[in-house]
C-alpha atoms as a PDB file:
ATOM      1  CA  MET A   1      76.435  49.426 -29.265  1.00  0.00           C
ATOM      2  CA  PRO A   2      78.693  50.065 -26.250  1.00  0.00           C
ATOM      3  CA  MET A   3      80.187  47.240 -24.324  1.00  0.00           C
ATOM      4  CA  ALA A   4      78.547  48.276 -21.156  1.00  0.00           C
ATOM      5  CA  THR A   5      74.960  48.100 -22.490  1.00  0.00           C
ATOM      6  CA  GLU A   6      75.208  44.763 -24.216  1.00  0.00           C
ATOM      7  CA  GLN A   7      73.225  42.069 -22.292  1.00  0.00           C
ATOM      8  CA  THR A   8      74.621  38.559 -21.944  1.00  0.00           C
ATOM      9  CA  TYR A   9      72.980  35.497 -20.630  1.00  0.00           C
ATOM     10  CA  CYS A  10      74.396  34.297 -17.342  1.00  0.00           C
ATOM     11  CA  TYR A  11      74.315  30.209 -17.417  1.00  0.00           C
ATOM     12  CA  HIS A  12      74.099  30.122 -13.531  1.00  0.00           C
ATOM     13  CA  CYS A  13      71.094  32.315 -12.718  1.00  0.00           C
ATOM     14  CA  ARG A  14      69.544  32.290 -16.377  1.00  0.00           C
ATOM     15  CA  ILE A  15      69.126  36.137 -16.290  1.00  0.00           C
ATOM     16  CA  HIS A  16      70.618  38.452 -18.921  1.00  0.00           C
ATOM     17  CA  HIS A  17      73.047  41.183 -17.385  1.00  0.00           C
ATOM     18  CA  PRO A  18      75.073  43.953 -18.695  1.00  0.00           C
ATOM     19  CA  ARG A  19      78.441  42.444 -20.200  1.00  0.00           C
ATOM     20  CA  ASN A  20      80.345  44.450 -17.692  1.00  0.00           C
ATOM     21  CA  GLU A  21      78.860  42.535 -14.827  1.00  0.00           C
ATOM     22  CA  MET A  22      79.818  39.166 -16.266  1.00  0.00           C
ATOM     23  CA  ARG A  23      82.937  37.080 -16.484  1.00  0.00           C
ATOM     24  CA  LEU A  24      83.803  34.384 -18.973  1.00  0.00           C
ATOM     25  CA  ILE A  25      84.315  31.161 -17.085  1.00  0.00           C
ATOM     26  CA  VAL A  26      85.934  27.945 -18.219  1.00  0.00           C
ATOM     27  CA  THR A  27      83.693  24.932 -17.430  1.00  0.00           C
ATOM     28  CA  LYS A  28      83.982  21.190 -18.365  1.00  0.00           C
ATOM     29  CA  THR A  29      81.752  21.984 -21.354  1.00  0.00           C
ATOM     30  CA  GLY A  30      83.744  24.857 -22.514  1.00  0.00           C
ATOM     31  CA  LYS A  31      83.557  28.592 -21.770  1.00  0.00           C
ATOM     32  CA  ARG A  32      80.365  30.140 -20.462  1.00  0.00           C
ATOM     33  CA  TRP A  33      79.443  33.617 -19.141  1.00  0.00           C
ATOM     34  CA  ARG A  34      78.610  33.932 -15.435  1.00  0.00           C
ATOM     35  CA  CYS A  35      77.495  37.283 -13.536  1.00  0.00           C
ATOM     36  CA  ILE A  36      79.856  38.558 -10.766  1.00  0.00           C
ATOM     37  CA  LYS A  37      77.073  38.310  -8.248  1.00  0.00           C
ATOM     38  CA  SER A  38      76.704  34.635  -8.604  1.00  0.00           C
ATOM     39  CA  ILE A  39      80.384  34.082  -8.544  1.00  0.00           C
ATOM     40  CA  GLU A  40      80.936  36.135  -5.449  1.00  0.00           C
ATOM     41  CA  ALA A  41      77.841  34.308  -3.818  1.00  0.00           C
ATOM     42  CA  THR A  42      79.745  31.003  -4.248  1.00  0.00           C
ATOM     43  CA  ARG A  43      82.847  32.209  -2.911  1.00  0.00           C
ATOM     44  CA  GLN A  44      81.104  33.118   0.559  1.00  0.00           C
ATOM     45  CA  GLY A  45      80.173  29.661   1.531  1.00  0.00           C
ATOM     46  CA  PRO A  46      77.373  27.293   1.475  1.00  0.00           C
ATOM     47  CA  GLU A  47      74.968  29.372   3.261  1.00  0.00           C
ATOM     48  CA  ALA A  48      75.438  32.296   1.029  1.00  0.00           C
ATOM     49  CA  ARG A  49      75.256  30.279  -2.063  1.00  0.00           C
ATOM     50  CA  GLU A  50      72.166  28.513  -0.847  1.00  0.00           C
ATOM     51  CA  ALA A  51      70.487  32.044  -0.233  1.00  0.00           C
ATOM     52  CA  TYR A  52      71.446  33.320  -3.706  1.00  0.00           C
ATOM     53  CA  GLY A  53      70.131  30.202  -5.234  1.00  0.00           C
ATOM     54  CA  ARG A  54      66.889  30.625  -3.448  1.00  0.00           C
ATOM     55  CA  GLN A  55      66.503  34.267  -4.564  1.00  0.00           C
ATOM     56  CA  VAL A  56      67.219  33.423  -8.158  1.00  0.00           C
ATOM     57  CA  SER A  57      64.682  30.476  -7.928  1.00  0.00           C
ATOM     58  CA  GLU A  58      62.002  32.722  -6.823  1.00  0.00           C
ATOM     59  CA  ILE A  59      62.816  35.396  -9.383  1.00  0.00           C
ATOM     60  CA  ASN A  60      62.494  32.498 -12.204  1.00  0.00           C
ATOM     61  CA  LYS A  61      59.380  31.119 -10.655  1.00  0.00           C
ATOM     62  CA  ALA A  62      57.844  34.500 -10.589  1.00  0.00           C
ATOM     63  CA  GLU A  63      58.633  35.144 -14.350  1.00  0.00           C
ATOM     64  CA  SER A  64      57.433  31.649 -15.413  1.00  0.00           C
ATOM     65  CA  LYS A  65      54.153  32.210 -13.445  1.00  0.00           C
ATOM     66  CA  SER A  66      53.857  35.757 -15.144  1.00  0.00           C
ATOM     67  CA  ARG A  67      54.392  34.168 -18.598  1.00  0.00           C
ATOM     68  CA  ALA A  68      51.856  31.446 -17.981  1.00  0.00           C
ATOM     69  CA  GLN A  69      49.316  34.072 -16.764  1.00  0.00           C
ATOM     70  CA  ARG A  70      49.915  36.031 -19.890  1.00  0.00           C
ATOM     71  CA  LEU A  71      49.448  33.139 -22.161  1.00  0.00           C
ATOM     72  CA  ASN A  72      46.444  32.030 -20.439  1.00  0.00           C
ATOM     73  CA  ASN A  73      44.836  35.510 -20.708  1.00  0.00           C
ATOM     74  CA  LEU A  74      45.517  35.508 -24.546  1.00  0.00           C
ATOM     75  CA  LEU A  75      43.975  31.812 -24.869  1.00  0.00           C
ATOM     76  CA  GLN A  76      40.941  33.124 -23.299  1.00  0.00           C
ATOM     77  CA  GLU A  77      40.718  35.977 -25.254  1.00  0.00           C
ATOM     78  CA  LYS A  78      40.455  33.951 -28.358  1.00  0.00           C
END
């Protein structure tokens, strides 16, 4: 599989991204992959960082709600 199409998990925004959009970051607990978008958002100051965090939180909530709805639908069908 070509490197550009490999998906890697971003520990910051909790989403898989193409590997070419990621950077390996050294943290207190070791090396972790983080997307370029999240790195740039933190460098633009607190307001941009907060806005990015809110956006990621909304995406995660929507995905969680969708997953819960699908599970609920499956349980009701049984």
